[in-house]
Amino acid sequence: MENRSKKPLRGAIVLLLATVIWGLAYIAQSDAMQYLGVLTYNSVRILLGGIVLIPVAALFWRFDRERRIQTPAEKKRAWRVSLLGGIVCGVFLSGAATCQQYGIAMTSVGKSGFLTALYIVLVPVFGVFFRRRVPWISAVCVAIAVVGSYFLCVKSDFVVEQGDWMLLLDALLFAFQILFIDFFLERGADCVMMSCVEFLSAGLLLLPLMFLFETPRLGDIWDARYTILYAGVISGAVGYSMQIIGQKELDPTGASLLMSLESVFAALFGWWLLGERLSGRELLGCALVFLAVILSQLPVGKRRKS
């Protein structure tokens, strides 16, 4: 294996910038609802992100040092696994992105960010389906997150709004998407190639639904061009590339902890740019969900690899 010294400060800065980009994407996604339907917006922006990733994936594949020492048979297998993994993850991405967008259209940006962040807590829990050992701290985090979600979503009259259900389903789908990404990476998939296929698959899957359930107009798409460009290119293609660069310099726990700050930036941008306000009950829910996210990434009750 290559013995390369890591540069955690550089990795932390790059990954922190990526989370800022992702947090700001909630503003773009919220603004897009003035012009386009959910399916039209998601199909166009996700496809755009996949198209932008094509040359990036090609460059990573060509110049990756590990790829150079592989045999033709190993390269062919990596290509097949990347293609299959991208398609499978693309199915989950299309569903998660659709639920998230419907949720954002129905509730605040801050609440959307925090409820989406629940996937970080759910990942180790649903890892049991992939024969992964669940540390005891994960059970504690789930309990805290459930209480937080209650304060965040359930009103005093015990009514959970439709947008909240969509965002909870979004977190569930994102959790399985992350687990399947890890599943295929362990089997030799190329992460950038798989991401490119994932974006293209998700966008193409939403394309016929866009025409079936909505009436897309080129004029409306053009009016939403800035939000589409930001969410598709900056948040999608650029943000994902920054994630790869940052994770190379950090340990998994530190990287995941930094990425969980996406929800904080979503709430801050919602307050700053959109003037959104959360009630005391909702702020308590946000704090508990964020606490669960932080605790889920700490190496408490987790075995160290020797």
C-alpha atoms as a PDB file:
ATOM      1  CA  MET A   1       0.000   0.000   0.000  1.00  0.00           C
ATOM      2  CA  GLU A   2       1.053   3.559  -0.616  1.00  0.00           C
ATOM      3  CA  ASN A   3       2.459   5.176   2.517  1.00  0.00           C
ATOM      4  CA  ARG A   4       1.337   8.756   2.118  1.00  0.00           C
ATOM      5  CA  SER A   5       1.397  11.302   4.919  1.00  0.00           C
ATOM      6  CA  LYS A   6      -1.994  12.852   5.446  1.00  0.00           C
ATOM      7  CA  LYS A   7      -2.667  16.560   5.798  1.00  0.00           C
ATOM      8  CA  PRO A   8      -5.692  16.732   8.118  1.00  0.00           C
ATOM      9  CA  LEU A   9      -5.868  20.542   8.241  1.00  0.00           C
ATOM     10  CA  ARG A  10      -6.146  20.799   4.463  1.00  0.00           C
ATOM     11  CA  GLY A  11      -8.664  17.957   4.383  1.00  0.00           C
ATOM     12  CA  ALA A  12     -10.758  19.566   7.127  1.00  0.00           C
ATOM     13  CA  ILE A  13     -10.841  22.917   5.316  1.00  0.00           C
ATOM     14  CA  VAL A  14     -11.846  21.319   2.000  1.00  0.00           C
ATOM     15  CA  LEU A  15     -14.543  19.182   3.633  1.00  0.00           C
ATOM     16  CA  LEU A  16     -15.841  22.120   5.659  1.00  0.00           C
ATOM     17  CA  LEU A  17     -16.203  24.132   2.442  1.00  0.00           C
ATOM     18  CA  ALA A  18     -18.127  21.206   0.937  1.00  0.00           C
ATOM     19  CA  THR A  19     -20.592  21.214   3.842  1.00  0.00           C
ATOM     20  CA  VAL A  20     -21.105  24.967   3.399  1.00  0.00           C
ATOM     21  CA  ILE A  21     -21.866  24.337  -0.279  1.00  0.00           C
ATOM     22  CA  TRP A  22     -24.349  21.586   0.615  1.00  0.00           C
ATOM     23  CA  GLY A  23     -26.002  23.710   3.302  1.00  0.00           C
ATOM     24  CA  LEU A  24     -26.480  26.578   0.859  1.00  0.00           C
ATOM     25  CA  ALA A  25     -27.969  24.133  -1.658  1.00  0.00           C
ATOM     26  CA  TYR A  26     -31.107  23.973   0.505  1.00  0.00           C
ATOM     27  CA  ILE A  27     -31.673  27.658  -0.291  1.00  0.00           C
ATOM     28  CA  ALA A  28     -31.305  27.000  -4.023  1.00  0.00           C
ATOM     29  CA  GLN A  29     -33.641  24.024  -3.818  1.00  0.00           C
ATOM     30  CA  SER A  30     -36.229  26.046  -1.921  1.00  0.00           C
ATOM     31  CA  ASP A  31     -36.022  28.906  -4.441  1.00  0.00           C
ATOM     32  CA  ALA A  32     -36.435  26.506  -7.386  1.00  0.00           C
ATOM     33  CA  MET A  33     -40.005  25.703  -6.331  1.00  0.00           C
ATOM     34  CA  GLN A  34     -41.057  29.129  -7.619  1.00  0.00           C
ATOM     35  CA  TYR A  35     -40.329  28.008 -11.172  1.00  0.00           C
ATOM     36  CA  LEU A  36     -40.441  24.216 -11.506  1.00  0.00           C
ATOM     37  CA  GLY A  37     -42.146  21.107 -10.234  1.00  0.00           C
ATOM     38  CA  VAL A  38     -40.187  18.744  -8.006  1.00  0.00           C
ATOM     39  CA  LEU A  39     -39.673  16.037 -10.636  1.00  0.00           C
ATOM     40  CA  THR A  40     -38.644  18.475 -13.361  1.00  0.00           C
ATOM     41  CA  TYR A  41     -36.168  20.275 -11.123  1.00  0.00           C
ATOM     42  CA  ASN A  42     -34.601  17.096  -9.765  1.00  0.00           C
ATOM     43  CA  SER A  43     -34.352  15.419 -13.145  1.00  0.00           C
ATOM     44  CA  VAL A  44     -32.634  18.398 -14.778  1.00  0.00           C
ATOM     45  CA  ARG A  45     -30.219  19.208 -11.952  1.00  0.00           C
ATOM     46  CA  ILE A  46     -29.214  15.603 -11.237  1.00  0.00           C
ATOM     47  CA  LEU A  47     -28.679  14.862 -14.917  1.00  0.00           C
ATOM     48  CA  LEU A  48     -26.587  18.020 -15.206  1.00  0.00           C
ATOM     49  CA  GLY A  49     -24.464  16.907 -12.264  1.00  0.00           C
ATOM     50  CA  GLY A  50     -23.941  13.499 -13.879  1.00  0.00           C
ATOM     51  CA  ILE A  51     -22.929  15.058 -17.195  1.00  0.00           C
ATOM     52  CA  VAL A  52     -20.410  17.335 -15.472  1.00  0.00           C
ATOM     53  CA  LEU A  53     -18.982  14.330 -13.609  1.00  0.00           C
ATOM     54  CA  ILE A  54     -18.312  12.378 -16.843  1.00  0.00           C
ATOM     55  CA  PRO A  55     -14.962  14.068 -17.607  1.00  0.00           C
ATOM     56  CA  VAL A  56     -14.058  14.094 -13.896  1.00  0.00           C
ATOM     57  CA  ALA A  57     -14.680  10.340 -13.647  1.00  0.00           C
ATOM     58  CA  ALA A  58     -12.712   9.731 -16.845  1.00  0.00           C
ATOM     59  CA  LEU A  59      -9.720  11.665 -15.488  1.00  0.00           C
ATOM     60  CA  PHE A  60      -9.826   9.871 -12.127  1.00  0.00           C
ATOM     61  CA  TRP A  61     -10.032   6.504 -13.905  1.00  0.00           C
ATOM     62  CA  ARG A  62      -7.127   7.319 -16.229  1.00  0.00           C
ATOM     63  CA  PHE A  63      -4.689   8.788 -13.714  1.00  0.00           C
ATOM     64  CA  ASP A  64      -5.530   6.772 -10.589  1.00  0.00           C
ATOM     65  CA  ARG A  65      -2.352   5.037  -9.421  1.00  0.00           C
ATOM     66  CA  GLU A  66      -4.173   1.938  -8.223  1.00  0.00           C
ATOM     67  CA  ARG A  67      -5.842   1.548 -11.609  1.00  0.00           C
ATOM     68  CA  ARG A  68      -2.487   1.588 -13.397  1.00  0.00           C
ATOM     69  CA  ILE A  69      -1.257  -1.576 -11.680  1.00  0.00           C
ATOM     70  CA  GLN A  70      -4.474  -3.528 -12.240  1.00  0.00           C
ATOM     71  CA  THR A  71      -4.725  -6.277 -14.832  1.00  0.00           C
ATOM     72  CA  PRO A  72      -7.261  -5.914 -17.689  1.00  0.00           C
ATOM     73  CA  ALA A  73      -9.499  -8.457 -15.920  1.00  0.00           C
ATOM     74  CA  GLU A  74      -9.383  -6.453 -12.681  1.00  0.00           C
ATOM     75  CA  LYS A  75     -10.181  -3.222 -14.529  1.00  0.00           C
ATOM     76  CA  LYS A  76     -13.124  -4.899 -16.254  1.00  0.00           C
ATOM     77  CA  ARG A  77     -14.469  -6.160 -12.934  1.00  0.00           C
ATOM     78  CA  ALA A  78     -14.066  -2.717 -11.340  1.00  0.00           C
ATOM     79  CA  TRP A  79     -15.966  -1.202 -14.266  1.00  0.00           C
ATOM     80  CA  ARG A  80     -18.842  -3.696 -13.908  1.00  0.00           C
ATOM     81  CA  VAL A  81     -19.085  -3.219 -10.141  1.00  0.00           C
ATOM     82  CA  SER A  82     -18.998   0.575 -10.554  1.00  0.00           C
ATOM     83  CA  LEU A  83     -21.751   0.429 -13.176  1.00  0.00           C
ATOM     84  CA  LEU A  84     -23.997  -1.866 -11.112  1.00  0.00           C
ATOM     85  CA  GLY A  85     -23.343   0.091  -7.917  1.00  0.00           C
ATOM     86  CA  GLY A  86     -24.120   3.386  -9.640  1.00  0.00           C
ATOM     87  CA  ILE A  87     -27.439   2.087 -10.957  1.00  0.00           C
ATOM     88  CA  VAL A  88     -28.511   0.640  -7.587  1.00  0.00           C
ATOM     89  CA  CYS A  89     -27.499   3.773  -5.688  1.00  0.00           C
ATOM     90  CA  GLY A  90     -29.111   5.916  -8.383  1.00  0.00           C
ATOM     91  CA  VAL A  91     -32.482   4.335  -7.615  1.00  0.00           C
ATOM     92  CA  PHE A  92     -32.159   5.307  -3.957  1.00  0.00           C
ATOM     93  CA  LEU A  93     -30.832   8.766  -4.859  1.00  0.00           C
ATOM     94  CA  SER A  94     -33.809   9.487  -7.118  1.00  0.00           C
ATOM     95  CA  GLY A  95     -36.242   8.531  -4.354  1.00  0.00           C
ATOM     96  CA  ALA A  96     -34.336  10.389  -1.628  1.00  0.00           C
ATOM     97  CA  ALA A  97     -33.915  13.546  -3.705  1.00  0.00           C
ATOM     98  CA  THR A  98     -37.614  13.533  -4.622  1.00  0.00           C
ATOM     99  CA  CYS A  99     -38.737  13.141  -0.998  1.00  0.00           C
ATOM    100  CA  GLN A 100     -36.277  15.815   0.095  1.00  0.00           C
ATOM    101  CA  GLN A 101     -37.483  18.280  -2.522  1.00  0.00           C
ATOM    102  CA  TYR A 102     -41.155  17.728  -1.642  1.00  0.00           C
ATOM    103  CA  GLY A 103     -40.225  18.179   2.025  1.00  0.00           C
ATOM    104  CA  ILE A 104     -38.329  21.407   1.363  1.00  0.00           C
ATOM    105  CA  ALA A 105     -41.346  22.750  -0.550  1.00  0.00           C
ATOM    106  CA  MET A 106     -43.583  22.049   2.461  1.00  0.00           C
ATOM    107  CA  THR A 107     -41.421  23.114   5.400  1.00  0.00           C
ATOM    108  CA  SER A 108     -38.509  25.368   6.380  1.00  0.00           C
ATOM    109  CA  VAL A 109     -34.954  25.045   5.102  1.00  0.00           C
ATOM    110  CA  GLY A 110     -33.576  24.670   8.644  1.00  0.00           C
ATOM    111  CA  LYS A 111     -35.935  21.857   9.560  1.00  0.00           C
ATOM    112  CA  SER A 112     -35.218  20.141   6.220  1.00  0.00           C
ATOM    113  CA  GLY A 113     -31.489  20.162   6.915  1.00  0.00           C
ATOM    114  CA  PHE A 114     -31.803  18.696  10.385  1.00  0.00           C
ATOM    115  CA  LEU A 115     -34.280  15.968   9.430  1.00  0.00           C
ATOM    116  CA  THR A 116     -32.167  14.982   6.430  1.00  0.00           C
ATOM    117  CA  ALA A 117     -29.139  14.725   8.761  1.00  0.00           C
ATOM    118  CA  LEU A 118     -30.869  11.816  10.507  1.00  0.00           C
ATOM    119  CA  TYR A 119     -29.332   9.527   7.861  1.00  0.00           C
ATOM    120  CA  ILE A 120     -26.015   9.765   9.727  1.00  0.00           C
ATOM    121  CA  VAL A 121     -27.688   8.203  12.759  1.00  0.00           C
ATOM    122  CA  LEU A 122     -29.639   5.644  10.719  1.00  0.00           C
ATOM    123  CA  VAL A 123     -26.632   4.356   8.765  1.00  0.00           C
ATOM    124  CA  PRO A 124     -25.106   2.301  11.626  1.00  0.00           C
ATOM    125  CA  VAL A 125     -28.549   1.063  12.668  1.00  0.00           C
ATOM    126  CA  PHE A 126     -29.529  -0.249   9.229  1.00  0.00           C
ATOM    127  CA  GLY A 127     -26.015  -1.611   8.876  1.00  0.00           C
ATOM    128  CA  VAL A 128     -27.334  -4.783  10.560  1.00  0.00           C
ATOM    129  CA  PHE A 129     -28.945  -5.682   7.210  1.00  0.00           C
ATOM    130  CA  PHE A 130     -25.432  -5.646   5.750  1.00  0.00           C
ATOM    131  CA  ARG A 131     -24.118  -7.831   8.606  1.00  0.00           C
ATOM    132  CA  ARG A 132     -22.399  -4.947  10.334  1.00  0.00           C
ATOM    133  CA  ARG A 133     -22.035  -4.849  14.101  1.00  0.00           C
ATOM    134  CA  VAL A 134     -24.036  -1.996  15.627  1.00  0.00           C
ATOM    135  CA  PRO A 135     -22.275  -0.328  18.608  1.00  0.00           C
ATOM    136  CA  TRP A 136     -24.351   0.435  21.667  1.00  0.00           C
ATOM    137  CA  ILE A 137     -23.855   4.160  21.192  1.00  0.00           C
ATOM    138  CA  SER A 138     -25.918   3.940  17.992  1.00  0.00           C
ATOM    139  CA  ALA A 139     -28.967   2.798  19.959  1.00  0.00           C
ATOM    140  CA  VAL A 140     -28.562   5.794  22.267  1.00  0.00           C
ATOM    141  CA  CYS A 141     -28.263   8.118  19.263  1.00  0.00           C
ATOM    142  CA  VAL A 142     -31.441   6.717  17.708  1.00  0.00           C
ATOM    143  CA  ALA A 143     -33.345   7.312  20.965  1.00  0.00           C
ATOM    144  CA  ILE A 144     -32.112  10.916  21.139  1.00  0.00           C
ATOM    145  CA  ALA A 145     -32.901  11.473  17.451  1.00  0.00           C
ATOM    146  CA  VAL A 146     -36.428  10.103  17.869  1.00  0.00           C
ATOM    147  CA  VAL A 147     -37.087  12.510  20.750  1.00  0.00           C
ATOM    148  CA  GLY A 148     -35.579  15.365  18.743  1.00  0.00           C
ATOM    149  CA  SER A 149     -37.672  14.531  15.702  1.00  0.00           C
ATOM    150  CA  TYR A 150     -40.764  14.495  17.907  1.00  0.00           C
ATOM    151  CA  PHE A 151     -40.121  18.067  19.115  1.00  0.00           C
ATOM    152  CA  LEU A 152     -39.163  19.164  15.612  1.00  0.00           C
ATOM    153  CA  CYS A 153     -42.073  17.600  13.713  1.00  0.00           C
ATOM    154  CA  VAL A 154     -44.976  16.918  16.055  1.00  0.00           C
ATOM    155  CA  LYS A 155     -47.087  19.908  16.947  1.00  0.00           C
ATOM    156  CA  SER A 156     -48.807  20.412  20.283  1.00  0.00           C
ATOM    157  CA  ASP A 157     -51.894  18.718  18.849  1.00  0.00           C
ATOM    158  CA  PHE A 158     -49.802  15.631  17.867  1.00  0.00           C
ATOM    159  CA  VAL A 159     -49.980  16.336  14.131  1.00  0.00           C
ATOM    160  CA  VAL A 160     -46.975  15.478  11.972  1.00  0.00           C
ATOM    161  CA  GLU A 161     -47.022  17.539   8.802  1.00  0.00           C
ATOM    162  CA  GLN A 162     -46.779  15.918   5.384  1.00  0.00           C
ATOM    163  CA  GLY A 163     -43.459  17.613   4.655  1.00  0.00           C
ATOM    164  CA  ASP A 164     -41.973  16.109   7.824  1.00  0.00           C
ATOM    165  CA  TRP A 165     -42.927  12.594   6.715  1.00  0.00           C
ATOM    166  CA  MET A 166     -41.309  13.211   3.329  1.00  0.00           C
ATOM    167  CA  LEU A 167     -38.067  14.352   4.977  1.00  0.00           C
ATOM    168  CA  LEU A 168     -38.003  11.374   7.325  1.00  0.00           C
ATOM    169  CA  LEU A 169     -38.447   9.054   4.331  1.00  0.00           C
ATOM    170  CA  ASP A 170     -35.688  11.035   2.621  1.00  0.00           C
ATOM    171  CA  ALA A 171     -33.304  10.326   5.538  1.00  0.00           C
ATOM    172  CA  LEU A 172     -34.232   6.626   5.402  1.00  0.00           C
ATOM    173  CA  LEU A 173     -33.495   6.375   1.666  1.00  0.00           C
ATOM    174  CA  PHE A 174     -30.235   8.304   2.013  1.00  0.00           C
ATOM    175  CA  ALA A 175     -29.143   5.916   4.769  1.00  0.00           C
ATOM    176  CA  PHE A 176     -29.601   2.898   2.502  1.00  0.00           C
ATOM    177  CA  GLN A 177     -27.953   4.760  -0.370  1.00  0.00           C
ATOM    178  CA  ILE A 178     -24.839   5.324   1.765  1.00  0.00           C
ATOM    179  CA  LEU A 179     -24.785   1.687   2.860  1.00  0.00           C
ATOM    180  CA  PHE A 180     -25.018   0.481  -0.739  1.00  0.00           C
ATOM    181  CA  ILE A 181     -22.230   2.866  -1.748  1.00  0.00           C
ATOM    182  CA  ASP A 182     -20.027   1.331   0.944  1.00  0.00           C
ATOM    183  CA  PHE A 183     -21.149  -2.167  -0.112  1.00  0.00           C
ATOM    184  CA  PHE A 184     -20.012  -1.666  -3.714  1.00  0.00           C
ATOM    185  CA  LEU A 185     -16.831   0.223  -2.800  1.00  0.00           C
ATOM    186  CA  GLU A 186     -15.744  -2.762  -0.710  1.00  0.00           C
ATOM    187  CA  ARG A 187     -16.122  -4.875  -3.839  1.00  0.00           C
ATOM    188  CA  GLY A 188     -13.770  -2.725  -5.869  1.00  0.00           C
ATOM    189  CA  ALA A 189     -16.000  -0.034  -7.375  1.00  0.00           C
ATOM    190  CA  ASP A 190     -14.406   3.241  -8.437  1.00  0.00           C
ATOM    191  CA  CYS A 191     -15.994   5.919  -6.242  1.00  0.00           C
ATOM    192  CA  VAL A 192     -16.021   8.725  -8.833  1.00  0.00           C
ATOM    193  CA  MET A 193     -17.170   6.479 -11.671  1.00  0.00           C
ATOM    194  CA  MET A 194     -19.921   5.028  -9.491  1.00  0.00           C
ATOM    195  CA  SER A 195     -21.052   8.520  -8.476  1.00  0.00           C
ATOM    196  CA  CYS A 196     -21.216   9.602 -12.115  1.00  0.00           C
ATOM    197  CA  VAL A 197     -23.351   6.572 -13.031  1.00  0.00           C
ATOM    198  CA  GLU A 198     -25.469   7.161  -9.914  1.00  0.00           C
ATOM    199  CA  PHE A 199     -26.270  10.741 -10.941  1.00  0.00           C
ATOM    200  CA  LEU A 200     -27.006   9.773 -14.537  1.00  0.00           C
ATOM    201  CA  SER A 201     -29.194   6.824 -13.469  1.00  0.00           C
ATOM    202  CA  ALA A 202     -31.183   8.917 -10.987  1.00  0.00           C
ATOM    203  CA  GLY A 203     -31.714  11.705 -13.508  1.00  0.00           C
ATOM    204  CA  LEU A 204     -32.780   9.327 -16.276  1.00  0.00           C
ATOM    205  CA  LEU A 205     -35.139   7.527 -13.894  1.00  0.00           C
ATOM    206  CA  LEU A 206     -36.873  10.812 -13.044  1.00  0.00           C
ATOM    207  CA  LEU A 207     -37.005  11.974 -16.668  1.00  0.00           C
ATOM    208  CA  PRO A 208     -40.123   9.990 -17.768  1.00  0.00           C
ATOM    209  CA  LEU A 209     -41.840  10.780 -14.450  1.00  0.00           C
ATOM    210  CA  MET A 210     -41.255  14.461 -15.153  1.00  0.00           C
ATOM    211  CA  PHE A 211     -43.232  14.251 -18.390  1.00  0.00           C
ATOM    212  CA  LEU A 212     -45.839  11.902 -16.910  1.00  0.00           C
ATOM    213  CA  PHE A 213     -46.785  13.931 -13.826  1.00  0.00           C
ATOM    214  CA  GLU A 214     -45.689  17.465 -14.689  1.00  0.00           C
ATOM    215  CA  THR A 215     -45.640  19.832 -17.651  1.00  0.00           C
ATOM    216  CA  PRO A 216     -42.028  20.978 -18.052  1.00  0.00           C
ATOM    217  CA  ARG A 217     -41.435  24.155 -20.048  1.00  0.00           C
ATOM    218  CA  LEU A 218     -38.088  25.319 -21.359  1.00  0.00           C
ATOM    219  CA  GLY A 219     -38.913  28.855 -20.272  1.00  0.00           C
ATOM    220  CA  ASP A 220     -39.440  27.770 -16.668  1.00  0.00           C
ATOM    221  CA  ILE A 221     -36.227  25.725 -16.728  1.00  0.00           C
ATOM    222  CA  TRP A 222     -34.368  28.776 -18.017  1.00  0.00           C
ATOM    223  CA  ASP A 223     -35.869  30.946 -15.272  1.00  0.00           C
ATOM    224  CA  ALA A 224     -34.549  28.452 -12.694  1.00  0.00           C
ATOM    225  CA  ARG A 225     -31.137  28.198 -14.371  1.00  0.00           C
ATOM    226  CA  TYR A 226     -29.168  29.623 -11.442  1.00  0.00           C
ATOM    227  CA  THR A 227     -30.629  27.248  -8.874  1.00  0.00           C
ATOM    228  CA  ILE A 228     -30.210  24.346 -11.313  1.00  0.00           C
ATOM    229  CA  LEU A 229     -26.575  25.258 -11.976  1.00  0.00           C
ATOM    230  CA  TYR A 230     -25.805  25.606  -8.284  1.00  0.00           C
ATOM    231  CA  ALA A 231     -27.537  22.425  -7.149  1.00  0.00           C
ATOM    232  CA  GLY A 232     -26.370  20.383 -10.141  1.00  0.00           C
ATOM    233  CA  VAL A 233     -22.830  21.604 -10.728  1.00  0.00           C
ATOM    234  CA  ILE A 234     -21.604  23.300  -7.530  1.00  0.00           C
ATOM    235  CA  SER A 235     -23.410  21.211  -4.903  1.00  0.00           C
ATOM    236  CA  GLY A 236     -23.439  18.007  -6.945  1.00  0.00           C
ATOM    237  CA  ALA A 237     -20.294  17.693  -9.051  1.00  0.00           C
ATOM    238  CA  VAL A 238     -17.963  20.135  -7.274  1.00  0.00           C
ATOM    239  CA  GLY A 239     -19.186  19.331  -3.761  1.00  0.00           C
ATOM    240  CA  TYR A 240     -18.759  15.605  -4.320  1.00  0.00           C
ATOM    241  CA  SER A 241     -15.231  16.079  -5.720  1.00  0.00           C
ATOM    242  CA  MET A 242     -14.309  18.187  -2.666  1.00  0.00           C
ATOM    243  CA  GLN A 243     -15.671  15.423  -0.442  1.00  0.00           C
ATOM    244  CA  ILE A 244     -13.323  12.912  -2.088  1.00  0.00           C
ATOM    245  CA  ILE A 245     -10.315  15.225  -1.673  1.00  0.00           C
ATOM    246  CA  GLY A 246     -11.158  15.975   1.949  1.00  0.00           C
ATOM    247  CA  GLN A 247     -11.763  12.369   2.963  1.00  0.00           C
ATOM    248  CA  LYS A 248      -8.338  11.353   1.638  1.00  0.00           C
ATOM    249  CA  GLU A 249      -6.736  13.514   4.337  1.00  0.00           C
ATOM    250  CA  LEU A 250      -8.992  12.591   7.282  1.00  0.00           C
ATOM    251  CA  ASP A 251     -10.032   9.542   9.259  1.00  0.00           C
ATOM    252  CA  PRO A 252     -13.639   8.392   8.657  1.00  0.00           C
ATOM    253  CA  THR A 253     -14.910   9.623  12.036  1.00  0.00           C
ATOM    254  CA  GLY A 254     -13.545  13.134  11.570  1.00  0.00           C
ATOM    255  CA  ALA A 255     -14.815  13.299   7.986  1.00  0.00           C
ATOM    256  CA  SER A 256     -18.342  12.169   8.918  1.00  0.00           C
ATOM    257  CA  LEU A 257     -18.443  14.613  11.816  1.00  0.00           C
ATOM    258  CA  LEU A 258     -17.566  17.506   9.503  1.00  0.00           C
ATOM    259  CA  MET A 259     -20.126  16.409   6.907  1.00  0.00           C
ATOM    260  CA  SER A 260     -22.839  16.358   9.567  1.00  0.00           C
ATOM    261  CA  LEU A 261     -22.445  20.151   9.858  1.00  0.00           C
ATOM    262  CA  GLU A 262     -24.413  20.404   6.608  1.00  0.00           C
ATOM    263  CA  SER A 263     -27.572  20.591   8.702  1.00  0.00           C
ATOM    264  CA  VAL A 264     -26.206  23.471  10.778  1.00  0.00           C
ATOM    265  CA  PHE A 265     -25.319  25.504   7.699  1.00  0.00           C
ATOM    266  CA  ALA A 266     -28.748  24.786   6.200  1.00  0.00           C
ATOM    267  CA  ALA A 267     -30.414  26.255   9.296  1.00  0.00           C
ATOM    268  CA  LEU A 268     -28.046  29.244   9.407  1.00  0.00           C
ATOM    269  CA  PHE A 269     -28.566  30.075   5.725  1.00  0.00           C
ATOM    270  CA  GLY A 270     -32.326  29.696   6.131  1.00  0.00           C
ATOM    271  CA  TRP A 271     -32.226  32.195   9.000  1.00  0.00           C
ATOM    272  CA  TRP A 272     -29.823  34.600   7.277  1.00  0.00           C
ATOM    273  CA  LEU A 273     -31.058  34.583   3.675  1.00  0.00           C
ATOM    274  CA  LEU A 274     -34.729  33.632   3.985  1.00  0.00           C
ATOM    275  CA  GLY A 275     -35.535  35.103   7.386  1.00  0.00           C
ATOM    276  CA  GLU A 276     -36.863  31.757   8.638  1.00  0.00           C
ATOM    277  CA  ARG A 277     -37.602  31.412  12.343  1.00  0.00           C
ATOM    278  CA  LEU A 278     -37.871  28.277  14.432  1.00  0.00           C
ATOM    279  CA  SER A 279     -39.949  28.066  17.604  1.00  0.00           C
ATOM    280  CA  GLY A 280     -38.344  27.147  20.932  1.00  0.00           C
ATOM    281  CA  ARG A 281     -39.806  23.648  20.626  1.00  0.00           C
ATOM    282  CA  GLU A 282     -38.340  23.253  17.141  1.00  0.00           C
ATOM    283  CA  LEU A 283     -34.949  24.627  18.250  1.00  0.00           C
ATOM    284  CA  LEU A 284     -34.872  22.018  21.016  1.00  0.00           C
ATOM    285  CA  GLY A 285     -35.640  19.343  18.436  1.00  0.00           C
ATOM    286  CA  CYS A 286     -32.835  20.625  16.199  1.00  0.00           C
ATOM    287  CA  ALA A 287     -30.385  20.587  19.101  1.00  0.00           C
ATOM    288  CA  LEU A 288     -31.281  16.991  20.018  1.00  0.00           C
ATOM    289  CA  VAL A 289     -31.040  15.764  16.421  1.00  0.00           C
ATOM    290  CA  PHE A 290     -27.669  17.475  16.018  1.00  0.00           C
ATOM    291  CA  LEU A 291     -26.485  15.984  19.319  1.00  0.00           C
ATOM    292  CA  ALA A 292     -27.463  12.524  18.047  1.00  0.00           C
ATOM    293  CA  VAL A 293     -25.571  13.156  14.808  1.00  0.00           C
ATOM    294  CA  ILE A 294     -22.440  14.219  16.716  1.00  0.00           C
ATOM    295  CA  LEU A 295     -22.575  11.303  19.163  1.00  0.00           C
ATOM    296  CA  SER A 296     -23.092   8.813  16.350  1.00  0.00           C
ATOM    297  CA  GLN A 297     -19.691   9.779  14.929  1.00  0.00           C
ATOM    298  CA  LEU A 298     -17.692   9.572  18.153  1.00  0.00           C
ATOM    299  CA  PRO A 299     -15.587   6.405  18.651  1.00  0.00           C
ATOM    300  CA  VAL A 300     -17.465   5.501  21.841  1.00  0.00           C
ATOM    301  CA  GLY A 301     -18.196   1.785  22.122  1.00  0.00           C
ATOM    302  CA  LYS A 302     -16.540   1.119  18.762  1.00  0.00           C
ATOM    303  CA  ARG A 303     -13.655  -1.256  18.390  1.00  0.00           C
ATOM    304  CA  ARG A 304     -10.454   0.068  16.953  1.00  0.00           C
ATOM    305  CA  LYS A 305      -9.054  -1.755  13.993  1.00  0.00           C
ATOM    306  CA  SER A 306      -5.649  -3.151  14.661  1.00  0.00           C
END
